[in-house]
Amino acid sequence: MTRPRPTFAVPSDPRAERHSPPRPTGSADPTGRRRVAVIGAGIAGLAAATALAERGVDVELFEKEQYLGGRVGAWPHQLSDGTSVTMSRGFHAFFRQYYNLRGLLTRTDPELERLTPVDDYPLIDHTGRTDTFRGLPRRPPWNALAFAVRSPTFATSDLLRLNAKAALPLATVRVPDVYHRLDHVAADELLTAINFPVAARHLAFEVFSRSFFADPGDLSAAELAVMFHLYFLGSSEGLLFDVPTGTFSGALWDPLGDHLTGLGVAVRTATPVRSVERGGARRFRVHLAEGSTDVDAVVLATDIAGLQSLVRSSPDLGAEAWRDQVAGLRTAPPFLVRRLWLDKPVAAERPAFMGTGGWDRLDNISVLERYEDQARDWARRRGGSVVELHAYAAAELGVSAADSASAVPAVAANVDKMLHAVYPETADAAVLDSVDLWRDDCPLFAPGSFAGRPTVRTPDERVVLAGDGIRIDLPVALMERAATTGMHAANLLLGSFGLRGHDLWTVPNRGRIRGLDRLGTNRWEAR
């Protein structure tokens, strides 16, 4: 099968910004090569390990799971009929403005041939109104205007009623300034003040805000503004994205793991780290379940719970204020990923991915055989479909996945019911197999949380943080924030070793509409 080739990792937007690494401040080690422990092998940890190893640093990469990729990882699973498949936590979109993530993937796939473009990702609400991203202009602000004009949830009168003054922050984003202006406000409060039509708010903004695994009332308006800037008004890379042609492990992380091994990295999966203490033959001693290793520096690239646990068990790390910042990080409410192997195919016109608004618990539907080779092979053999359903923020905020696990059967039944309503042909399909994943390990970007969020740099120049929940003052989000913080963490260590780091790329860190920037500098208040 011949597939169109996705956009290359190099920015096509002429206004994309290159960020040079910090100037080296340290001196080379005369006794031998530096050694760094990278704890966590998700996107952030893989990016950090790659950036360090490519500059000649000895790296030990530790991952508690048996697979690489973290929350974008994949693992073997056996269906009830004995078929071996690969399971993951679900659909992820590799947008063309994810420059640093895509740059990481080019280490093993120079032309990104293991990604394939998705030609559209429609959004549908409970009345059947559908938004689409196909055929929109790429250049801002025409992309956002065309989307609004074409949307069935926007009337001309709605455009005229928009509160331009309240909406100004969306068009004048600069990081970190936008957080100082908007972080104290909830996303839904901002949208109400702007007079966004209720239908448009639910169909467009709520679908996107829930990609942060939180309802708009629990999400900082600054995060919403950065997201709007990243995908609409800050970039001319377009609004469509690519997805892997194979499983996450086979297409992305196993090749990168082999690349790291070839660079001399000791990749150690199924190896949790218990604690880190000062001392030993080098600057730090990393304690494992069995044994320990001595290193010159440490990258902490775990999820939030893992970071908090590691800091609690490592009293030598950081100052009290920093430890309080780490302890204060919060996770979003639990969510469900439900994958179904059906004995009948969904209709041929169904897209690879569809976002839903107002369909009770259901947030999106993926039809895996539309893009993933393994699912396509299974669907051909069995004459069915592999469908994945997501329900974000499916339990109360502050309730852990363990405490709310009893809700899974009811949530699963609800999203199945909604699937049958959106795709009626699935109502008569038998479920040959199913997997439910109930998790609560994604960061929460709540109103007012930005000031207390820990940064990549810590009180010790040889300890750095990385991950999508870590603050970095650049216009990035989600997987791209993970990759960018990982690269930046490596750059800080490289600079302290007297070595040059790597350039980072982002969409422009400023508004693209001439003349508006200087109008949007004040703290936003409800008007």
Protein backbone atom coordinates (compact mmCIF):
# COMPACT_ATOMS: atom_id res chain seq x y z
CA MET A 1 0.00 0.00 0.00
CA THR A 2 1.42 3.40 -0.99
CA ARG A 3 0.97 6.11 1.62
CA PRO A 4 1.52 9.85 1.30
CA ARG A 5 4.66 10.95 3.10
CA PRO A 6 4.27 13.24 6.10
CA THR A 7 5.91 16.60 6.44
CA PHE A 8 9.59 16.33 7.35
CA ALA A 9 10.70 17.28 10.87
CA VAL A 10 12.44 20.47 9.75
CA PRO A 11 10.03 23.41 10.21
CA SER A 12 8.31 24.54 7.04
CA ASP A 13 7.04 27.65 8.81
CA PRO A 14 9.57 30.41 8.02
CA ARG A 15 8.72 32.08 11.34
CA ALA A 16 9.52 29.04 13.45
CA GLU A 17 12.03 29.96 16.13
CA ARG A 18 15.35 28.30 16.85
CA HIS A 19 16.52 28.39 20.47
CA SER A 20 20.25 27.93 20.92
CA PRO A 21 21.48 25.87 23.88
CA PRO A 22 23.05 27.57 26.89
CA ARG A 23 26.69 28.49 26.46
CA PRO A 24 28.95 25.88 28.12
CA THR A 25 30.05 27.02 31.56
CA GLY A 26 31.89 23.96 32.86
CA SER A 27 35.08 22.30 31.76
CA ALA A 28 35.68 18.89 30.29
CA ASP A 29 36.40 16.09 32.75
CA PRO A 30 40.16 15.33 32.51
CA THR A 31 39.72 11.95 34.22
CA GLY A 32 37.33 10.50 31.71
CA ARG A 33 33.79 10.74 30.32
CA ARG A 34 30.89 12.02 32.35
CA ARG A 35 28.22 9.57 33.40
CA VAL A 36 24.53 10.46 33.74
CA ALA A 37 21.56 8.47 35.01
CA VAL A 38 18.32 9.17 33.16
CA ILE A 39 15.43 7.89 35.26
CA GLY A 40 12.33 7.27 33.14
CA ALA A 41 12.24 6.18 29.51
CA GLY A 42 9.18 8.02 28.28
CA ILE A 43 9.51 10.66 25.58
CA ALA A 44 11.31 13.06 27.94
CA GLY A 45 13.82 10.49 29.14
CA LEU A 46 14.47 9.15 25.65
CA ALA A 47 15.06 12.69 24.37
CA ALA A 48 17.47 13.45 27.22
CA ALA A 49 19.38 10.19 26.80
CA THR A 50 19.70 10.74 23.06
CA ALA A 51 20.92 14.33 23.40
CA LEU A 52 23.51 13.35 26.04
CA ALA A 53 24.79 10.25 24.29
CA GLU A 54 25.22 12.10 20.99
CA ARG A 55 27.71 14.40 22.76
CA GLY A 56 29.76 11.53 24.10
CA VAL A 57 28.30 11.30 27.61
CA ASP A 58 27.96 7.86 29.18
CA VAL A 59 24.27 7.31 29.90
CA GLU A 60 22.41 4.74 31.95
CA LEU A 61 18.68 4.81 31.16
CA PHE A 62 16.39 3.29 33.80
CA GLU A 63 12.73 2.42 33.22
CA LYS A 64 10.46 0.64 35.72
CA GLU A 65 8.27 -0.84 32.97
CA GLN A 66 9.40 -3.56 30.58
CA TYR A 67 8.96 -1.26 27.58
CA LEU A 68 10.11 2.16 26.37
CA GLY A 69 7.90 5.14 25.60
CA GLY A 70 6.25 5.77 28.97
CA ARG A 71 2.63 6.85 28.48
CA VAL A 72 3.12 6.49 24.72
CA GLY A 73 4.60 3.02 25.13
CA ALA A 74 3.21 -0.34 24.07
CA TRP A 75 3.36 -3.86 25.43
CA PRO A 76 2.39 -7.38 24.30
CA HIS A 77 -1.11 -8.64 24.98
CA GLN A 78 -2.78 -11.93 24.19
CA LEU A 79 -6.38 -12.03 23.05
CA SER A 80 -8.71 -14.71 24.34
CA ASP A 81 -8.27 -16.73 21.13
CA GLY A 82 -4.50 -16.79 21.62
CA THR A 83 -3.71 -14.05 19.11
CA SER A 84 -0.71 -11.92 20.13
CA VAL A 85 -1.28 -8.19 19.74
CA THR A 86 0.31 -5.02 21.05
CA MET A 87 -1.64 -2.89 23.51
CA SER A 88 -1.09 0.80 24.29
CA ARG A 89 -2.81 3.70 26.00
CA GLY A 90 -4.34 4.88 22.80
CA PHE A 91 -4.30 7.38 20.00
CA HIS A 92 -1.63 10.11 19.92
CA ALA A 93 -1.37 12.85 17.30
CA PHE A 94 2.09 13.82 16.03
CA PHE A 95 1.42 17.37 14.88
CA ARG A 96 3.76 18.95 12.31
CA GLN A 97 4.67 21.71 14.81
CA TYR A 98 6.07 19.13 17.24
CA TYR A 99 9.53 19.95 15.96
CA ASN A 100 11.62 18.52 18.80
CA LEU A 101 9.65 15.28 19.09
CA ARG A 102 9.77 14.75 15.34
CA GLY A 103 13.46 15.60 15.36
CA LEU A 104 13.97 12.86 17.95
CA LEU A 105 12.16 10.35 15.73
CA THR A 106 14.33 11.23 12.73
CA ARG A 107 17.29 9.65 14.53
CA THR A 108 15.98 6.29 13.33
CA ASP A 109 13.54 7.38 10.62
CA PRO A 110 15.18 10.29 8.76
CA GLU A 111 12.21 11.01 6.50
CA LEU A 112 9.55 9.96 9.01
CA GLU A 113 8.33 7.14 6.79
CA ARG A 114 6.93 5.34 9.83
CA LEU A 115 4.39 8.14 10.26
CA THR A 116 1.39 8.56 8.00
CA PRO A 117 -0.81 11.65 7.59
CA VAL A 118 -4.38 11.73 8.87
CA ASP A 119 -6.37 13.67 6.29
CA ASP A 120 -8.95 14.91 8.81
CA TYR A 121 -10.13 14.53 12.37
CA PRO A 122 -13.76 15.62 12.47
CA LEU A 123 -15.49 16.72 15.66
CA ILE A 124 -19.15 15.81 16.14
CA ASP A 125 -21.62 16.89 18.81
CA HIS A 126 -24.76 15.15 20.07
CA THR A 127 -26.96 16.94 17.51
CA GLY A 128 -24.82 15.71 14.61
CA ARG A 129 -23.13 19.05 13.91
CA THR A 130 -19.65 18.34 12.61
CA ASP A 131 -16.51 20.43 12.40
CA THR A 132 -13.71 19.42 10.06
CA PHE A 133 -10.10 20.46 9.58
CA ARG A 134 -9.72 19.25 6.01
CA GLY A 135 -8.89 21.94 3.47
CA LEU A 136 -8.34 24.80 5.89
CA PRO A 137 -5.68 27.39 5.05
CA ARG A 138 -2.46 26.92 6.97
CA ARG A 139 -1.58 30.54 7.60
CA PRO A 140 -2.90 32.33 10.69
CA PRO A 141 -5.24 34.04 11.31
CA TRP A 142 -7.02 32.75 8.19
CA ASN A 143 -6.94 29.17 9.50
CA ALA A 144 -8.92 30.08 12.64
CA LEU A 145 -11.27 32.41 10.76
CA ALA A 146 -11.98 29.81 8.08
CA PHE A 147 -12.63 27.20 10.77
CA ALA A 148 -15.12 29.49 12.53
CA VAL A 149 -16.89 30.59 9.33
CA ARG A 150 -17.22 27.00 8.12
CA SER A 151 -18.35 25.61 11.48
CA PRO A 152 -22.08 24.84 11.88
CA THR A 153 -21.77 26.01 15.51
CA PHE A 154 -20.83 29.57 14.50
CA ALA A 155 -23.29 32.00 12.96
CA THR A 156 -22.32 35.41 11.59
CA SER A 157 -24.16 36.99 14.51
CA ASP A 158 -22.00 34.91 16.89
CA LEU A 159 -18.85 36.38 15.35
CA LEU A 160 -20.22 39.88 15.79
CA ARG A 161 -21.02 39.22 19.46
CA LEU A 162 -17.52 38.04 20.36
CA ASN A 163 -15.83 40.16 23.01
CA ALA A 164 -12.66 41.13 21.16
CA LYS A 165 -11.04 42.66 24.22
CA ALA A 166 -11.54 39.53 26.30
CA ALA A 167 -10.30 37.38 23.38
CA LEU A 168 -7.13 39.42 22.89
CA PRO A 169 -4.91 37.08 24.98
CA LEU A 170 -5.61 34.26 22.51
CA ALA A 171 -3.99 36.31 19.73
CA THR A 172 -1.10 37.76 21.75
CA VAL A 173 0.47 34.70 23.34
CA ARG A 174 3.99 34.94 24.69
CA VAL A 175 5.39 32.40 27.13
CA PRO A 176 5.70 32.91 30.08
CA ASP A 177 3.82 36.25 29.92
CA VAL A 178 0.52 34.57 29.05
CA TYR A 179 0.69 32.62 32.31
CA HIS A 180 1.13 35.79 34.33
CA ARG A 181 -1.98 37.19 32.61
CA LEU A 182 -4.25 34.16 32.48
CA ASP A 183 -3.14 31.37 34.79
CA HIS A 184 -5.44 32.56 37.60
CA VAL A 185 -8.46 32.10 35.30
CA ALA A 186 -10.20 28.83 34.38
CA ALA A 187 -10.55 28.03 30.69
CA ASP A 188 -14.34 28.01 30.79
CA GLU A 189 -14.37 31.44 32.49
CA LEU A 190 -12.30 32.89 29.65
CA LEU A 191 -14.56 31.36 27.00
CA THR A 192 -17.66 32.71 28.75
CA ALA A 193 -16.16 36.20 28.86
CA ILE A 194 -15.31 36.01 25.15
CA ASN A 195 -18.97 35.15 24.39
CA PHE A 196 -18.07 32.01 22.50
CA PRO A 197 -21.28 30.31 21.35
CA VAL A 198 -22.10 27.47 23.71
CA ALA A 199 -22.22 24.92 20.90
CA ALA A 200 -18.84 26.00 19.52
CA ARG A 201 -17.35 25.98 22.99
CA HIS A 202 -18.42 22.39 23.61
CA LEU A 203 -17.52 21.09 20.18
CA ALA A 204 -14.16 22.75 19.63
CA PHE A 205 -12.60 24.12 22.79
CA GLU A 206 -13.92 21.49 25.18
CA VAL A 207 -12.72 18.66 22.95
CA PHE A 208 -9.26 20.21 22.89
CA SER A 209 -9.17 21.07 26.58
CA ARG A 210 -10.06 17.50 27.44
CA SER A 211 -6.97 16.41 25.51
CA PHE A 212 -5.27 17.72 28.67
CA PHE A 213 -7.42 15.12 30.51
CA ALA A 214 -9.40 17.78 32.36
CA ASP A 215 -12.68 19.63 32.02
CA PRO A 216 -12.44 23.33 31.05
CA GLY A 217 -13.36 24.36 34.60
CA ASP A 218 -10.27 22.56 35.94
CA LEU A 219 -7.86 23.79 33.25
CA SER A 220 -5.84 27.01 33.34
CA ALA A 221 -6.92 29.51 30.70
CA ALA A 222 -3.22 30.08 30.03
CA GLU A 223 -2.83 26.46 28.94
CA LEU A 224 -5.84 26.85 26.67
CA ALA A 225 -4.32 30.01 25.17
CA VAL A 226 -0.96 28.30 24.58
CA MET A 227 -2.76 25.41 22.92
CA PHE A 228 -4.74 27.80 20.70
CA HIS A 229 -1.48 29.55 19.79
CA LEU A 230 0.35 26.29 19.10
CA TYR A 231 -2.28 24.85 16.77
CA PHE A 232 -4.05 27.93 15.34
CA LEU A 233 -2.70 31.45 15.62
CA GLY A 234 0.98 30.76 16.29
CA SER A 235 1.89 28.31 13.55
CA SER A 236 1.43 27.92 9.82
CA GLU A 237 2.24 24.19 9.89
CA GLY A 238 -1.45 23.42 9.52
CA LEU A 239 -4.02 21.76 11.75
CA LEU A 240 -3.60 18.17 10.62
CA PHE A 241 -1.16 15.61 12.00
CA ASP A 242 0.50 12.24 11.49
CA VAL A 243 0.17 8.92 13.31
CA PRO A 244 2.46 5.86 13.43
CA THR A 245 1.87 3.24 10.77
CA GLY A 246 2.66 0.46 13.23
CA THR A 247 2.53 -0.09 16.96
CA PHE A 248 4.23 2.50 19.13
CA SER A 249 6.89 -0.01 20.11
CA GLY A 250 7.66 -1.27 16.62
CA ALA A 251 7.42 2.04 14.79
CA LEU A 252 8.93 4.40 17.35
CA TRP A 253 10.58 3.23 20.55
CA ASP A 254 12.23 -0.11 19.80
CA PRO A 255 14.23 1.47 16.94
CA LEU A 256 15.16 4.39 19.19
CA GLY A 257 16.21 1.96 21.93
CA ASP A 258 18.46 0.17 19.43
CA HIS A 259 19.88 3.55 18.38
CA LEU A 260 20.68 4.41 21.99
CA THR A 261 22.32 1.04 22.54
CA GLY A 262 24.44 1.71 19.46
CA LEU A 263 25.54 4.99 21.04
CA GLY A 264 26.70 3.09 24.13
CA VAL A 265 23.68 3.81 26.34
CA ALA A 266 22.90 1.13 28.92
CA VAL A 267 19.14 0.75 28.42
CA ARG A 268 17.71 -0.99 31.48
CA THR A 269 13.99 -1.69 31.42
CA ALA A 270 12.10 -3.37 34.27
CA THR A 271 14.55 -1.58 36.58
CA PRO A 272 12.89 0.81 39.04
CA VAL A 273 15.03 3.32 40.90
CA ARG A 274 14.50 3.43 44.67
CA SER A 275 16.40 6.60 45.62
CA VAL A 276 19.24 8.97 44.80
CA GLU A 277 21.78 10.14 47.35
CA ARG A 278 24.87 12.31 47.24
CA GLY A 279 28.24 10.64 47.37
CA GLY A 280 29.84 7.50 46.10
CA ALA A 281 32.66 7.37 43.59
CA ARG A 282 31.06 10.26 41.69
CA ARG A 283 28.58 12.98 42.66
CA PHE A 284 25.47 10.81 43.15
CA ARG A 285 24.68 7.21 43.97
CA VAL A 286 21.52 5.82 42.34
CA HIS A 287 19.98 2.98 44.33
CA LEU A 288 18.12 0.27 42.44
CA ALA A 289 16.03 -2.61 43.72
CA GLU A 290 19.26 -4.59 43.50
CA GLY A 291 22.57 -2.77 43.60
CA SER A 292 23.50 0.81 42.82
CA THR A 293 25.44 2.92 40.33
CA ASP A 294 27.47 6.10 40.70
CA VAL A 295 26.96 9.00 38.31
CA ASP A 296 27.93 12.65 37.82
CA ALA A 297 24.40 13.89 37.18
CA VAL A 298 20.77 12.78 37.17
CA VAL A 299 17.81 13.45 34.87
CA LEU A 300 14.48 12.81 36.61
CA ALA A 301 12.08 12.09 33.75
CA THR A 302 9.36 10.06 35.46
CA ASP A 303 5.64 10.70 35.67
CA ILE A 304 4.40 12.87 38.54
CA ALA A 305 3.75 10.06 41.00
CA GLY A 306 7.14 8.55 40.25
CA LEU A 307 8.89 11.90 40.68
CA GLN A 308 7.17 12.59 43.99
CA SER A 309 7.98 9.11 45.30
CA LEU A 310 11.61 9.38 44.26
CA VAL A 311 12.05 12.82 45.84
CA ARG A 312 10.43 11.61 49.09
CA SER A 313 12.87 8.71 49.27
CA SER A 314 15.87 10.93 48.38
CA PRO A 315 16.23 13.50 51.18
CA ASP A 316 19.58 14.69 49.76
CA LEU A 317 17.91 16.13 46.66
CA GLY A 318 17.01 19.81 46.42
CA ALA A 319 16.05 22.54 48.84
CA GLU A 320 12.87 22.55 50.91
CA ALA A 321 11.03 25.01 48.65
CA TRP A 322 11.81 22.90 45.58
CA ARG A 323 10.72 19.71 47.30
CA ASP A 324 7.46 21.45 48.19
CA GLN A 325 6.97 22.33 44.51
CA VAL A 326 7.39 18.70 43.51
CA ALA A 327 5.03 17.55 46.27
CA GLY A 328 2.44 20.09 45.11
CA LEU A 329 2.15 18.71 41.58
CA ARG A 330 -1.27 17.23 40.83
CA THR A 331 -2.61 14.69 38.38
CA ALA A 332 -5.72 14.96 36.25
CA PRO A 333 -8.79 12.82 37.02
CA PRO A 334 -8.80 9.15 36.01
CA PHE A 335 -9.61 8.31 32.41
CA LEU A 336 -10.59 5.20 30.48
CA VAL A 337 -9.05 3.76 27.33
CA ARG A 338 -11.27 0.96 26.01
CA ARG A 339 -10.20 -1.09 22.99
CA LEU A 340 -12.67 -3.39 21.26
CA TRP A 341 -12.07 -6.13 18.71
CA LEU A 342 -15.37 -6.35 16.78
CA ASP A 343 -16.54 -9.15 14.49
CA LYS A 344 -17.99 -6.68 11.97
CA PRO A 345 -16.32 -3.70 10.31
CA VAL A 346 -17.31 -0.11 10.93
CA ALA A 347 -18.55 1.72 7.86
CA ALA A 348 -15.88 2.42 5.26
CA GLU A 349 -16.36 6.19 5.48
CA ARG A 350 -15.52 6.38 9.18
CA PRO A 351 -12.37 8.44 9.84
CA ALA A 352 -9.29 7.17 11.63
CA PHE A 353 -10.07 9.50 14.51
CA MET A 354 -13.16 11.44 15.57
CA GLY A 355 -13.54 13.78 18.53
CA THR A 356 -16.94 13.89 20.21
CA GLY A 357 -18.63 16.58 22.30
CA GLY A 358 -21.82 16.15 24.30
CA TRP A 359 -21.87 12.35 23.93
CA ASP A 360 -21.94 11.76 27.68
CA ARG A 361 -18.68 10.04 28.75
CA LEU A 362 -17.31 9.45 25.25
CA ASP A 363 -14.56 11.85 24.13
CA ASN A 364 -13.25 10.25 20.94
CA ILE A 365 -13.32 7.21 18.70
CA SER A 366 -10.36 5.72 16.86
CA VAL A 367 -10.60 3.06 14.15
CA LEU A 368 -7.16 1.52 14.36
CA GLU A 369 -7.15 -0.39 11.07
CA ARG A 370 -7.38 2.92 9.25
CA TYR A 371 -3.71 3.59 10.07
CA GLU A 372 -2.03 0.84 12.14
CA ASP A 373 -0.60 -2.18 10.30
CA GLN A 374 -1.20 -4.72 13.09
CA ALA A 375 -4.86 -3.75 13.51
CA ARG A 376 -5.32 -3.73 9.72
CA ASP A 377 -3.96 -7.29 9.49
CA TRP A 378 -6.31 -8.48 12.25
CA ALA A 379 -9.31 -6.76 10.65
CA ARG A 380 -8.58 -8.38 7.29
CA ARG A 381 -8.25 -11.84 8.81
CA ARG A 382 -11.37 -11.60 10.96
CA GLY A 383 -13.52 -9.33 8.81
CA GLY A 384 -14.04 -6.93 11.69
CA SER A 385 -12.68 -3.71 13.18
CA VAL A 386 -10.43 -2.64 16.05
CA VAL A 387 -12.05 0.36 17.73
CA GLU A 388 -10.74 2.41 20.61
CA LEU A 389 -12.83 4.66 22.87
CA HIS A 390 -11.55 7.31 25.28
CA ALA A 391 -13.33 8.82 28.27
CA TYR A 392 -11.28 11.63 29.81
CA ALA A 393 -11.87 13.00 33.33
CA ALA A 394 -14.15 10.02 33.88
CA ALA A 395 -14.02 10.26 37.68
CA GLU A 396 -14.03 13.12 40.14
CA LEU A 397 -10.97 15.34 40.41
CA GLY A 398 -8.91 14.31 43.42
CA VAL A 399 -10.13 10.70 43.38
CA SER A 400 -7.40 8.22 42.48
CA ALA A 401 -7.71 5.52 39.85
CA ALA A 402 -7.46 2.88 42.57
CA ASP A 403 -10.28 4.42 44.58
CA SER A 404 -12.52 4.90 41.55
CA ALA A 405 -11.79 1.62 39.73
CA SER A 406 -15.27 0.35 40.58
CA ALA A 407 -16.61 2.92 38.10
CA VAL A 408 -14.95 1.21 35.12
CA PRO A 409 -17.84 -1.14 34.16
CA ALA A 410 -20.34 1.74 34.16
CA VAL A 411 -18.04 4.04 32.16
CA ALA A 412 -17.27 1.23 29.71
CA ALA A 413 -20.97 0.51 29.22
CA ASN A 414 -21.63 4.20 28.67
CA VAL A 415 -18.96 4.69 26.00
CA ASP A 416 -20.13 1.53 24.24
CA LYS A 417 -23.65 2.93 24.16
CA MET A 418 -22.38 6.22 22.75
CA LEU A 419 -20.33 4.37 20.13
CA HIS A 420 -23.49 2.64 18.95
CA ALA A 421 -25.24 6.00 18.70
CA VAL A 422 -22.44 7.70 16.76
CA TYR A 423 -21.60 4.65 14.60
CA PRO A 424 -24.91 2.71 14.48
CA GLU A 425 -23.42 -0.19 12.50
CA THR A 426 -21.43 -1.21 15.60
CA ALA A 427 -24.59 -1.97 17.60
CA ASP A 428 -24.95 -5.37 15.90
CA ALA A 429 -21.25 -6.24 16.14
CA ALA A 430 -20.12 -8.81 18.66
CA VAL A 431 -17.20 -7.88 20.90
CA LEU A 432 -14.67 -10.67 20.35
CA ASP A 433 -12.26 -9.16 22.87
CA SER A 434 -11.78 -6.01 24.89
CA VAL A 435 -9.21 -4.28 27.10
CA ASP A 436 -9.96 -1.51 29.60
CA LEU A 437 -7.18 0.74 30.93
CA TRP A 438 -8.04 2.99 33.88
CA ARG A 439 -5.29 5.50 34.64
CA ASP A 440 -4.71 8.79 36.49
CA ASP A 441 -1.07 9.67 35.75
CA CYS A 442 -1.38 12.72 33.48
CA PRO A 443 -0.44 16.17 34.85
CA LEU A 444 -3.15 18.61 35.81
CA PHE A 445 -2.67 22.23 34.71
CA ALA A 446 -5.15 23.75 37.13
CA PRO A 447 -5.82 27.49 37.40
CA GLY A 448 -3.15 29.16 39.52
CA SER A 449 -0.67 26.27 39.35
CA PHE A 450 1.94 27.71 36.99
CA ALA A 451 3.91 29.73 39.56
CA GLY A 452 4.47 26.66 41.72
CA ARG A 453 5.35 24.26 38.92
CA PRO A 454 8.98 23.05 39.09
CA THR A 455 11.23 23.93 36.15
CA VAL A 456 13.78 21.83 34.29
CA ARG A 457 16.53 23.50 36.32
CA THR A 458 16.67 22.55 40.02
CA PRO A 459 18.68 23.90 42.98
CA ASP A 460 21.50 21.48 42.01
CA GLU A 461 22.95 22.13 38.55
CA ARG A 462 23.60 18.39 38.17
CA VAL A 463 19.97 17.38 38.83
CA VAL A 464 17.41 18.29 36.17
CA LEU A 465 13.75 17.49 35.56
CA ALA A 466 11.95 16.58 32.33
CA GLY A 467 8.40 15.66 31.37
CA ASP A 468 5.14 17.10 30.11
CA GLY A 469 4.26 18.32 33.62
CA ILE A 470 7.49 20.29 34.04
CA ARG A 471 7.61 24.03 33.37
CA ILE A 472 9.57 25.34 30.41
CA ASP A 473 9.01 28.88 29.19
CA LEU A 474 8.45 28.02 25.54
CA PRO A 475 5.22 27.56 23.52
CA VAL A 476 4.95 23.77 23.72
CA ALA A 477 2.39 21.29 25.05
CA LEU A 478 1.68 17.60 25.56
CA MET A 479 4.19 15.25 23.86
CA GLU A 480 6.18 18.18 22.50
CA ARG A 481 6.62 19.56 26.01
CA ALA A 482 7.99 16.18 27.06
CA ALA A 483 10.50 16.09 24.19
CA THR A 484 11.48 19.74 24.63
CA THR A 485 12.06 19.48 28.39
CA GLY A 486 14.09 16.31 27.81
CA MET A 487 16.35 18.04 25.30
CA HIS A 488 16.64 21.14 27.48
CA ALA A 489 17.51 19.02 30.53
CA ALA A 490 20.31 17.41 28.53
CA ASN A 491 21.47 20.82 27.32
CA LEU A 492 21.79 22.13 30.88
CA LEU A 493 23.94 19.16 31.87
CA LEU A 494 26.01 19.35 28.70
CA GLY A 495 26.71 23.01 29.39
CA SER A 496 27.84 22.19 32.94
CA PHE A 497 30.18 19.58 31.43
CA GLY A 498 31.70 22.11 29.04
CA LEU A 499 29.94 20.58 26.04
CA ARG A 500 27.65 22.22 23.49
CA GLY A 501 24.01 21.25 23.55
CA HIS A 502 21.39 20.96 20.83
CA ASP A 503 19.19 23.59 19.19
CA LEU A 504 15.50 23.55 20.05
CA TRP A 505 12.71 24.65 17.72
CA THR A 506 9.27 26.05 18.50
CA VAL A 507 6.45 27.90 16.84
CA PRO A 508 6.95 31.68 17.21
CA ASN A 509 6.79 32.77 20.83
CA ARG A 510 4.66 35.79 19.99
CA GLY A 511 1.38 36.64 18.34
CA ARG A 512 1.30 36.54 14.55
CA ILE A 513 -1.27 39.31 14.02
CA ARG A 514 0.59 42.55 13.45
CA GLY A 515 -0.18 45.37 15.87
CA LEU A 516 -1.97 43.31 18.53
CA ASP A 517 0.96 42.24 20.69
CA ARG A 518 1.39 45.53 22.50
CA LEU A 519 -2.34 45.64 23.31
CA GLY A 520 -2.36 42.36 25.18
CA THR A 521 0.21 42.88 27.90
CA ASN A 522 -2.02 43.47 30.96
CA ARG A 523 -3.27 40.93 33.46
CA TRP A 524 -6.61 39.61 32.26
CA GLU A 525 -9.65 40.19 34.42
CA ALA A 526 -13.24 39.14 33.74
CA ARG A 527 -14.93 41.95 31.82
